[in-house]
Protein backbone atom coordinates (compact mmCIF):
# COMPACT_ATOMS: atom_id res chain seq x y z
CA UNK A 1 0.00 0.00 0.00
CA UNK A 2 1.12 3.60 -0.63
CA UNK A 3 0.75 6.43 1.78
CA UNK A 4 -0.42 9.91 0.85
CA UNK A 5 3.17 11.08 0.61
CA UNK A 6 4.18 8.23 -1.63
CA UNK A 7 5.62 5.85 0.97
CA UNK A 8 4.91 2.28 0.18
CA UNK A 9 4.56 -0.40 2.92
CA UNK A 10 4.07 -4.12 2.81
CA UNK A 11 3.05 -6.27 5.83
CA UNK A 12 4.94 -9.45 6.66
CA UNK A 13 3.09 -12.35 8.24
CA UNK A 14 5.19 -15.10 9.80
CA UNK A 15 3.73 -18.24 11.27
CA UNK A 16 2.69 -20.44 12.77
CA UNK A 17 5.44 -19.71 15.21
CA UNK A 18 6.88 -22.15 17.70
CA UNK A 19 9.27 -21.78 20.61
CA UNK A 20 12.09 -22.65 18.22
CA UNK A 21 11.38 -19.48 16.30
CA UNK A 22 12.51 -17.28 19.17
CA UNK A 23 15.47 -15.11 18.05
CA UNK A 24 14.55 -15.74 14.41
CA UNK A 25 16.36 -13.29 12.05
CA UNK A 26 14.05 -11.66 9.51
CA UNK A 27 15.06 -9.32 6.66
CA UNK A 28 12.98 -7.42 4.11
CA UNK A 29 14.12 -7.70 0.47
CA UNK A 30 12.74 -5.15 -2.01
CA UNK A 31 13.15 -5.76 -5.74
CA UNK A 32 12.74 -2.82 -8.09
CA UNK A 33 11.70 -3.39 -11.71
CA UNK A 34 13.71 -1.51 -14.43
CA UNK A 35 11.95 1.43 -16.18
CA UNK A 36 14.04 2.38 -19.23
CA UNK A 37 11.57 5.00 -20.38
CA UNK A 38 12.37 6.90 -17.28
CA UNK A 39 16.00 5.92 -17.24
CA UNK A 40 15.52 3.60 -14.19
CA UNK A 41 17.60 0.50 -14.23
CA UNK A 42 15.84 -1.31 -11.23
CA UNK A 43 17.69 -3.19 -8.50
CA UNK A 44 17.44 -5.05 -5.14
CA UNK A 45 17.50 -3.54 -1.64
CA UNK A 46 17.84 -5.70 1.54
CA UNK A 47 17.04 -4.38 5.00
CA UNK A 48 19.00 -5.02 8.13
CA UNK A 49 18.10 -8.15 10.09
CA UNK A 50 15.17 -8.03 12.43
CA UNK A 51 15.42 -10.38 15.46
CA UNK A 52 12.13 -12.03 16.31
CA UNK A 53 11.47 -12.15 20.02
CA UNK A 54 8.57 -14.44 20.99
CA UNK A 55 6.35 -13.69 23.97
CA UNK A 56 4.97 -17.05 25.25
CA UNK A 57 4.44 -19.41 28.16
CA UNK A 58 7.40 -21.74 28.07
CA UNK A 59 6.70 -23.95 31.11
CA UNK A 60 3.79 -24.85 33.39
CA UNK A 61 4.31 -27.34 36.24
CA UNK A 62 2.92 -28.48 39.60
CA UNK A 63 5.03 -29.08 42.70
CA UNK A 64 4.05 -32.75 43.19
CA UNK A 65 3.65 -35.66 40.81
CA UNK A 66 1.22 -37.33 43.21
CA UNK A 67 -1.35 -35.05 44.78
CA UNK A 68 -3.34 -36.27 47.74
CA UNK A 69 -6.50 -34.64 48.93
CA UNK A 70 -5.54 -32.05 51.53
CA UNK A 71 -2.12 -31.34 50.00
CA UNK A 72 -0.96 -27.78 49.44
CA UNK A 73 0.47 -27.46 45.94
CA UNK A 74 2.32 -24.76 44.01
CA UNK A 75 1.67 -24.14 40.32
CA UNK A 76 4.61 -22.53 38.52
CA UNK A 77 4.19 -20.76 35.19
CA UNK A 78 7.15 -19.41 33.17
CA UNK A 79 6.75 -16.94 30.30
CA UNK A 80 9.08 -14.86 28.13
CA UNK A 81 8.65 -11.52 26.40
CA UNK A 82 10.01 -8.03 25.99
CA UNK A 83 7.46 -6.84 28.50
CA UNK A 84 6.21 -8.55 31.66
CA UNK A 85 2.88 -10.28 31.15
CA UNK A 86 -0.05 -10.47 33.51
CA UNK A 87 -0.55 -14.02 34.80
CA UNK A 88 -3.90 -15.65 35.50
CA UNK A 89 -4.42 -19.15 36.94
CA UNK A 90 -7.79 -20.84 36.66
CA UNK A 91 -9.65 -24.13 36.24
CA UNK A 92 -12.83 -22.71 34.83
CA UNK A 93 -13.97 -19.20 34.04
CA UNK A 94 -11.32 -16.92 35.43
CA UNK A 95 -10.64 -18.60 38.79
CA UNK A 96 -9.89 -21.88 40.50
CA UNK A 97 -12.85 -24.12 41.35
CA UNK A 98 -13.59 -23.26 44.98
CA UNK A 99 -15.41 -26.55 45.51
CA UNK A 100 -12.17 -28.45 44.95
CA UNK A 101 -9.45 -25.97 45.93
CA UNK A 102 -8.78 -23.46 48.68
CA UNK A 103 -6.81 -20.36 47.72
CA UNK A 104 -3.55 -19.80 49.64
CA UNK A 105 -1.56 -17.17 47.73
CA UNK A 106 -0.56 -15.84 44.32
CA UNK A 107 0.19 -15.30 41.71
CA UNK A 108 3.57 -13.91 42.73
CA UNK A 109 6.04 -13.07 39.96
CA UNK A 110 9.82 -13.09 39.67
CA UNK A 111 11.71 -11.52 36.75
CA UNK A 112 15.03 -12.45 35.23
CA UNK A 113 15.75 -10.49 32.06
CA UNK A 114 12.94 -11.30 29.64
CA UNK A 115 11.87 -14.39 31.62
CA UNK A 116 9.01 -14.12 34.06
CA UNK A 117 8.05 -16.78 36.65
CA UNK A 118 4.67 -16.74 38.39
CA UNK A 119 3.64 -19.00 41.28
CA UNK A 120 0.14 -19.83 42.51
CA UNK A 121 -0.43 -21.75 45.77
CA UNK A 122 -3.62 -23.64 46.60
CA UNK A 123 -4.82 -26.50 48.81
CA UNK A 124 -6.82 -29.40 47.44
CA UNK A 125 -10.02 -30.31 49.25
CA UNK A 126 -11.67 -32.84 46.99
CA UNK A 127 -10.39 -35.87 45.10
CA UNK A 128 -10.64 -35.59 41.33
CA UNK A 129 -9.30 -39.01 40.34
CA UNK A 130 -12.81 -40.36 39.93
CA UNK A 131 -13.41 -37.86 37.07
CA UNK A 132 -9.99 -38.30 35.53
CA UNK A 133 -8.51 -35.17 37.11
CA UNK A 134 -9.18 -31.50 36.39
CA UNK A 135 -7.53 -29.19 33.88
CA UNK A 136 -5.74 -26.10 35.21
CA UNK A 137 -4.64 -23.19 33.03
CA UNK A 138 -1.98 -20.49 33.13
CA UNK A 139 -2.53 -17.49 30.88
CA UNK A 140 0.15 -14.85 30.24
CA UNK A 141 -1.37 -11.67 28.78
CA UNK A 142 0.93 -9.07 27.19
CA UNK A 143 -1.59 -6.28 26.92
CA UNK A 144 -3.90 -4.87 24.32
CA UNK A 145 -2.76 -5.59 20.81
CA UNK A 146 0.02 -7.84 21.99
CA UNK A 147 -2.00 -10.99 22.60
CA UNK A 148 -1.66 -13.71 25.20
CA UNK A 149 -0.48 -17.26 25.56
CA UNK A 150 -2.09 -20.12 27.51
CA UNK A 151 -0.65 -23.37 28.85
CA UNK A 152 -2.56 -26.18 30.59
CA UNK A 153 -1.96 -29.25 32.72
CA UNK A 154 -4.11 -31.87 34.45
CA UNK A 155 -4.33 -31.86 38.24
CA UNK A 156 -5.16 -35.34 39.53
CA UNK A 157 -6.02 -35.39 43.22
CA UNK A 158 -6.10 -38.79 44.91
CA UNK A 159 -8.02 -39.82 48.01
CA UNK A 160 -6.21 -39.59 51.31
CA UNK A 161 -6.48 -43.09 52.83
CA UNK A 162 -4.97 -41.78 56.07
CA UNK A 163 -8.18 -39.84 56.65
CA UNK A 164 -10.46 -42.76 55.79
CA UNK A 165 -11.74 -44.62 58.82
CA UNK A 166 -12.33 -48.36 58.68
CA UNK A 167 -14.91 -49.60 61.20
CA UNK A 168 -14.92 -52.81 63.19
CA UNK A 169 -17.57 -55.34 62.23
CA UNK A 170 -19.27 -56.27 65.48
CA UNK A 171 -18.69 -55.32 69.10
CA UNK A 172 -15.31 -53.70 69.59
CA UNK A 173 -13.54 -55.32 72.54
CA UNK A 174 -10.48 -53.16 72.15
CA UNK A 175 -9.25 -53.94 68.65
CA UNK A 176 -5.83 -52.43 68.02
CA UNK A 177 -5.51 -50.89 64.55
CA UNK A 178 -2.13 -50.45 62.91
CA UNK A 179 -1.36 -49.03 59.47
CA UNK A 180 1.34 -49.44 56.85
CA UNK A 181 1.64 -47.18 53.80
CA UNK A 182 3.02 -48.13 50.41
CA UNK A 183 3.76 -44.83 48.70
CA UNK A 184 4.67 -46.37 45.37
CA UNK A 185 1.47 -48.40 45.15
CA UNK A 186 -0.63 -45.68 46.71
CA UNK A 187 -2.18 -48.01 49.27
CA UNK A 188 -2.61 -48.14 53.03
CA UNK A 189 -3.02 -51.46 54.82
CA UNK A 190 -4.95 -51.56 58.09
CA UNK A 191 -4.35 -54.50 60.41
CA UNK A 192 -6.48 -55.53 63.37
CA UNK A 193 -5.06 -57.23 66.44
CA UNK A 194 -6.40 -58.02 69.89
CA UNK A 195 -5.21 -56.96 73.33
CA UNK A 196 -2.65 -59.21 74.99
CA UNK A 197 -4.01 -62.33 76.63
CA UNK A 198 -4.03 -62.56 80.40
CA UNK A 199 -4.35 -65.50 82.75
CA UNK A 200 -8.12 -65.03 82.83
CA UNK A 201 -8.90 -63.51 79.44
CA UNK A 202 -7.97 -64.66 75.97
CA UNK A 203 -8.98 -63.29 72.61
CA UNK A 204 -9.56 -64.67 69.15
CA UNK A 205 -10.00 -62.89 65.84
CA UNK A 206 -11.25 -64.36 62.59
CA UNK A 207 -12.02 -62.89 59.18
CA UNK A 208 -15.49 -63.17 57.64
CA UNK A 209 -17.10 -62.49 54.29
CA UNK A 210 -17.32 -58.76 55.03
CA UNK A 211 -14.37 -58.27 57.36
CA UNK A 212 -10.70 -59.08 57.43
CA UNK A 213 -7.79 -59.14 59.81
CA UNK A 214 -6.22 -56.84 57.21
CA UNK A 215 -7.86 -54.45 54.77
CA UNK A 216 -6.33 -52.33 51.99
CA UNK A 217 -7.33 -48.79 51.04
CA UNK A 218 -6.59 -47.70 47.46
CA UNK A 219 -5.96 -43.99 46.86
CA UNK A 220 -7.91 -44.17 43.61
CA UNK A 221 -11.14 -45.19 45.38
CA UNK A 222 -10.63 -43.97 48.92
CA UNK A 223 -12.20 -47.20 50.20
CA UNK A 224 -10.99 -50.24 52.11
CA UNK A 225 -11.35 -53.78 50.82
CA UNK A 226 -12.94 -55.48 52.68
CA UNK A 227 -15.00 -52.69 54.16
CA UNK A 228 -14.57 -53.76 57.79
CA UNK A 229 -11.89 -55.03 60.11
CA UNK A 230 -12.67 -58.17 62.07
CA UNK A 231 -13.63 -57.84 65.73
CA UNK A 232 -11.90 -59.51 68.64
CA UNK A 233 -13.89 -62.16 70.42
CA UNK A 234 -13.46 -63.38 73.94
CA UNK A 235 -12.54 -67.02 74.12
CA UNK A 236 -14.91 -68.90 76.41
CA UNK A 237 -13.06 -69.89 79.53
CA UNK A 238 -13.77 -72.72 81.92
CA UNK A 239 -13.30 -71.74 85.56
CA UNK A 240 -14.40 -75.14 86.74
CA UNK A 241 -16.45 -78.23 85.91
CA UNK A 242 -18.27 -81.12 87.51
CA UNK A 243 -18.30 -84.90 87.76
CA UNK A 244 -21.77 -86.43 87.93
CA UNK A 245 -22.90 -90.03 88.42
CA UNK A 246 -26.39 -91.51 88.41
CA UNK A 247 -27.45 -94.98 89.64
CA UNK A 248 -30.63 -96.95 89.26
CA UNK A 249 -31.62 -98.59 92.55
CA UNK A 250 -34.70 -100.37 91.23
CA UNK A 251 -33.55 -103.75 92.59
CA UNK A 252 -33.11 -102.40 96.12
CA UNK A 253 -36.71 -101.77 97.07
CA UNK A 254 -37.17 -99.91 100.30
CA UNK A 255 -33.61 -98.65 100.47
CA UNK A 256 -32.71 -95.03 99.69
CA UNK A 257 -29.63 -92.90 99.46
CA UNK A 258 -29.69 -89.14 99.96
CA UNK A 259 -33.42 -89.28 100.46
CA UNK A 260 -35.50 -87.77 103.22
CA UNK A 261 -35.80 -91.20 104.88
CA UNK A 262 -32.20 -92.33 104.32
CA UNK A 263 -30.32 -93.37 107.42
CA UNK A 264 -26.79 -93.74 108.66
CA UNK A 265 -24.00 -93.07 106.26
CA UNK A 266 -26.51 -92.82 103.38
CA UNK A 267 -28.15 -89.57 104.50
CA UNK A 268 -27.68 -86.48 102.36
CA UNK A 269 -25.35 -84.87 104.90
CA UNK A 270 -23.14 -87.94 105.09
CA UNK A 271 -23.03 -88.42 101.30
CA UNK A 272 -22.00 -84.77 100.90
CA UNK A 273 -19.38 -85.28 103.58
CA UNK A 274 -18.00 -88.23 101.62
CA UNK A 275 -17.90 -86.14 98.44
CA UNK A 276 -16.08 -83.24 100.08
CA UNK A 277 -13.70 -84.98 102.48
CA UNK A 278 -10.10 -85.64 101.50
CA UNK A 279 -9.56 -89.30 102.30
CA UNK A 280 -7.88 -92.29 100.68
CA UNK A 281 -10.92 -94.42 99.72
CA UNK A 282 -14.10 -92.41 99.32
CA UNK A 283 -14.76 -89.20 97.50
CA UNK A 284 -12.99 -87.48 94.62
CA UNK A 285 -9.62 -86.52 96.10
CA UNK A 286 -7.83 -89.70 95.02
CA UNK A 287 -9.74 -90.01 91.72
CA UNK A 288 -10.10 -86.65 89.91
CA UNK A 289 -6.70 -85.65 88.55
CA UNK A 290 -6.87 -81.95 89.29
CA UNK A 291 -7.69 -82.68 92.96
CA UNK A 292 -4.87 -85.20 93.14
CA UNK A 293 -2.49 -82.64 91.66
CA UNK A 294 -3.96 -79.77 93.72
CA UNK A 295 -4.81 -77.71 90.64
CA UNK A 296 -8.47 -77.40 91.64
CA UNK A 297 -10.63 -77.37 94.76
CA UNK A 298 -14.02 -78.85 95.57
CA UNK A 299 -16.85 -76.32 95.38
CA UNK A 300 -18.81 -77.53 98.39
CA UNK A 301 -21.68 -75.14 97.74
CA UNK A 302 -22.35 -76.83 94.41
CA UNK A 303 -21.56 -80.40 95.41
CA UNK A 304 -24.35 -82.69 96.56
CA UNK A 305 -26.73 -85.54 95.85
CA UNK A 306 -30.39 -86.16 95.04
CA UNK A 307 -32.82 -89.03 95.39
CA UNK A 308 -35.56 -89.40 92.79
CA UNK A 309 -36.77 -92.94 93.25
CA UNK A 310 -35.39 -95.21 92.05
CA UNK A 311 -32.47 -93.03 90.96
CA UNK A 312 -29.62 -91.79 93.11
CA UNK A 313 -27.44 -89.00 91.64
CA UNK A 314 -24.42 -87.23 93.00
CA UNK A 315 -22.48 -84.32 91.60
CA UNK A 316 -19.00 -83.09 92.49
CA UNK A 317 -18.17 -79.56 91.37
CA UNK A 318 -14.60 -78.27 91.29
CA UNK A 319 -13.07 -74.86 90.76
CA UNK A 320 -9.87 -74.71 88.72
CA UNK A 321 -6.92 -72.85 90.19
CA UNK A 322 -6.38 -71.31 86.74
CA UNK A 323 -9.10 -70.96 84.13
CA UNK A 324 -8.65 -73.00 80.95
CA UNK A 325 -9.88 -72.23 77.47
CA UNK A 326 -10.13 -75.51 75.58
CA UNK A 327 -12.15 -78.68 76.06
CA UNK A 328 -8.94 -80.70 75.95
CA UNK A 329 -7.49 -78.71 78.84
CA UNK A 330 -10.68 -79.10 80.83
CA UNK A 331 -10.92 -82.83 80.09
CA UNK A 332 -7.33 -83.33 81.23
CA UNK A 333 -8.10 -81.67 84.58
CA UNK A 334 -11.29 -83.72 85.06
CA UNK A 335 -9.78 -87.09 84.09
CA UNK A 336 -10.08 -89.80 86.73
CA UNK A 337 -7.39 -92.19 87.93
CA UNK A 338 -7.89 -95.46 89.82
CA UNK A 339 -11.46 -96.23 88.84
CA UNK A 340 -14.82 -94.76 89.72
CA UNK A 341 -15.45 -92.52 92.68
CA UNK A 342 -16.49 -94.58 95.73
CA UNK A 343 -18.86 -93.70 98.54
CA UNK A 344 -18.67 -96.96 100.46
CA UNK A 345 -15.98 -98.69 102.48
CA UNK A 346 -14.61 -95.33 103.50
CA UNK A 347 -11.68 -94.89 105.85
CA UNK A 348 -13.55 -92.24 107.80
CA UNK A 349 -16.76 -93.00 109.72
CA UNK A 350 -19.87 -91.27 108.46
CA UNK A 351 -22.53 -93.21 110.45
CA UNK A 352 -23.84 -91.72 113.64
CA UNK A 353 -25.68 -94.85 114.87
CA UNK A 354 -24.66 -96.53 118.04
CA UNK A 355 -23.41 -100.09 118.09
CA UNK A 356 -26.10 -102.66 118.75
CA UNK A 357 -26.15 -106.01 120.53
CA UNK A 358 -26.19 -109.27 118.57
CA UNK A 359 -29.85 -109.79 119.39
CA UNK A 360 -30.73 -106.37 118.01
CA UNK A 361 -28.76 -107.25 114.90
CA UNK A 362 -30.58 -110.53 114.46
CA UNK A 363 -33.93 -108.84 114.94
CA UNK A 364 -33.27 -106.19 112.30
CA UNK A 365 -31.97 -108.75 109.85
CA UNK A 366 -35.09 -110.87 110.18
CA UNK A 367 -37.37 -107.84 109.94
CA UNK A 368 -35.70 -106.67 106.74
CA UNK A 369 -35.83 -110.15 105.20
CA UNK A 370 -39.50 -110.60 106.08
CA UNK A 371 -40.48 -107.19 104.78
CA UNK A 372 -38.55 -107.36 101.55
CA UNK A 373 -36.43 -110.23 100.43
CA UNK A 374 -34.40 -108.04 98.11
CA UNK A 375 -32.88 -105.88 100.83
CA UNK A 376 -29.12 -105.74 100.46
CA UNK A 377 -27.43 -106.33 103.77
CA UNK A 378 -24.10 -107.86 104.65
CA UNK A 379 -23.02 -108.44 108.20
CA UNK A 380 -19.59 -109.14 109.53
CA UNK A 381 -20.15 -112.72 110.82
CA UNK A 382 -17.16 -112.52 113.09
CA UNK A 383 -18.43 -109.46 114.90
CA UNK A 384 -22.23 -109.34 114.68
CA UNK A 385 -22.34 -106.39 117.06
CA UNK A 386 -21.23 -104.12 114.26
CA UNK A 387 -23.91 -102.07 112.63
CA UNK A 388 -25.73 -104.11 110.01
CA UNK A 389 -25.41 -101.23 107.54
CA UNK A 390 -21.76 -100.51 108.16
CA UNK A 391 -20.65 -102.84 105.39
CA UNK A 392 -23.51 -102.61 102.92
CA UNK A 393 -21.94 -103.42 99.58
CA UNK A 394 -23.67 -100.63 97.73
CA UNK A 395 -21.77 -98.80 95.01
CA UNK A 396 -18.88 -101.20 95.47
CA UNK A 397 -16.70 -102.00 92.47
CA UNK A 398 -18.90 -102.79 89.49
CA UNK A 399 -22.00 -103.14 91.71
CA UNK A 400 -22.64 -106.57 90.21
CA UNK A 401 -23.03 -108.75 93.32
CA UNK A 402 -25.57 -108.63 96.18
CA UNK A 403 -25.57 -110.62 99.36
CA UNK A 404 -28.63 -112.40 100.76
CA UNK A 405 -28.50 -113.08 104.49
CA UNK A 406 -30.07 -116.02 106.31
CA UNK A 407 -30.24 -117.00 109.90
CA UNK A 408 -29.33 -120.61 110.72
CA UNK A 409 -28.84 -122.32 114.16
CA UNK A 410 -28.24 -119.03 115.89
CA UNK A 411 -25.15 -118.35 113.71
CA UNK A 412 -25.12 -115.73 110.98
CA UNK A 413 -24.01 -117.32 107.73
CA UNK A 414 -23.53 -115.32 104.56
CA UNK A 415 -24.86 -116.83 101.36
CA UNK A 416 -24.00 -114.82 98.32
CA UNK A 417 -26.37 -114.73 95.39
CA UNK A 418 -25.33 -113.05 92.15
CA UNK A 419 -27.66 -110.32 91.06
CA UNK A 420 -27.20 -108.20 87.99
CA UNK A 421 -28.46 -104.71 87.51
CA UNK A 422 -28.22 -103.78 91.16
CA UNK A 423 -26.89 -100.34 90.32
CA UNK A 424 -26.67 -99.36 86.69
CA UNK A 425 -24.17 -96.54 86.67
CA UNK A 426 -24.11 -93.89 84.03
CA UNK A 427 -21.25 -92.21 85.82
CA UNK A 428 -19.41 -89.67 83.71
CA UNK A 429 -17.91 -86.26 83.75
CA UNK A 430 -20.51 -84.28 81.86
CA UNK A 431 -19.68 -81.29 79.74
CA UNK A 432 -20.99 -78.18 81.41
CA UNK A 433 -19.59 -74.97 82.82
CA UNK A 434 -19.63 -74.17 86.49
């Protein structure tokens, strides 16, 4: 184009420009065409070199490669130009998204020659990994007519597993939670453990479908898998146990043990005394292992007998010196040595009756035989003054033999008659807690 005074100008458009074009040398070459009619020979004129200086954003970075929700980050934007630009940082519109970021400071700018560095500081407050991150922009504006340049990067904010609570599935009896972080994998592992066992309390912990002894939180989801930690459970302890025996006295009509009409050593008080007295023959002290080894004691308040015709039952309850937690441990303490527990033929005397004369003995024998021929009585023939019940062979050995007594020529003669089913014992240590 030609100006009003005859000056001709021609615009030069260069582009598209890249960062490599900074400091590009540009010259203008003008070629004149010859005009012989006017004695003009033409020619070529070249201008001096023009150095192209680009104004642009050359770098845009964030202070951390891995951003966790709650982190404070610094965005750094570098631009070049003959004049200092105005920097703007934003995620949408003209500002940072306040729902995901909290402003801290910036932008602050530093200048070094024609290089300008701006920094913007913000704190993340919401994970963006679920949406693939969020784009952040840095714009350097050089003023009206000079244009601007924009750079962008993606801010990916991960969940903070350290702030994610994992609950206990079930009643919490003092579960101890510990954590281990794997920064490279971006995971946190939670582990559940129980308080230390004591002499009286022990714990157990087991995983289930929805809970685990360990659980892993992934920073990309912010959730633990499984969703719960397992709860500690108290192991059932056994503070004691009992030994119980039951006998059928059907074949001994008219004779009772531990009943309201029982007499002599067979009364309830005397049976209980036999079950709670430490002696060599009767009772549990030489039979039940934990009593023999003095690792338990008889619980007299819960030891006794009952009579429910025709059945006689006794029960010996013991208290362990130290609670146990398994059936095997309990069974070992309640094991018996030396046969069944006896309540006859005792070394101690449990009968309160006075000694009787031989005539009294004969009279009682005859009366019992006449009233019921199945009465079980055995008398010491060498000393008939002894109580006729002092040697009753009840609960003796296997209880398989009874003695029938007869009176002949004024001399007591014992005639033994085998009888089965006298006492059918279902003696056993039953499984039950004290």
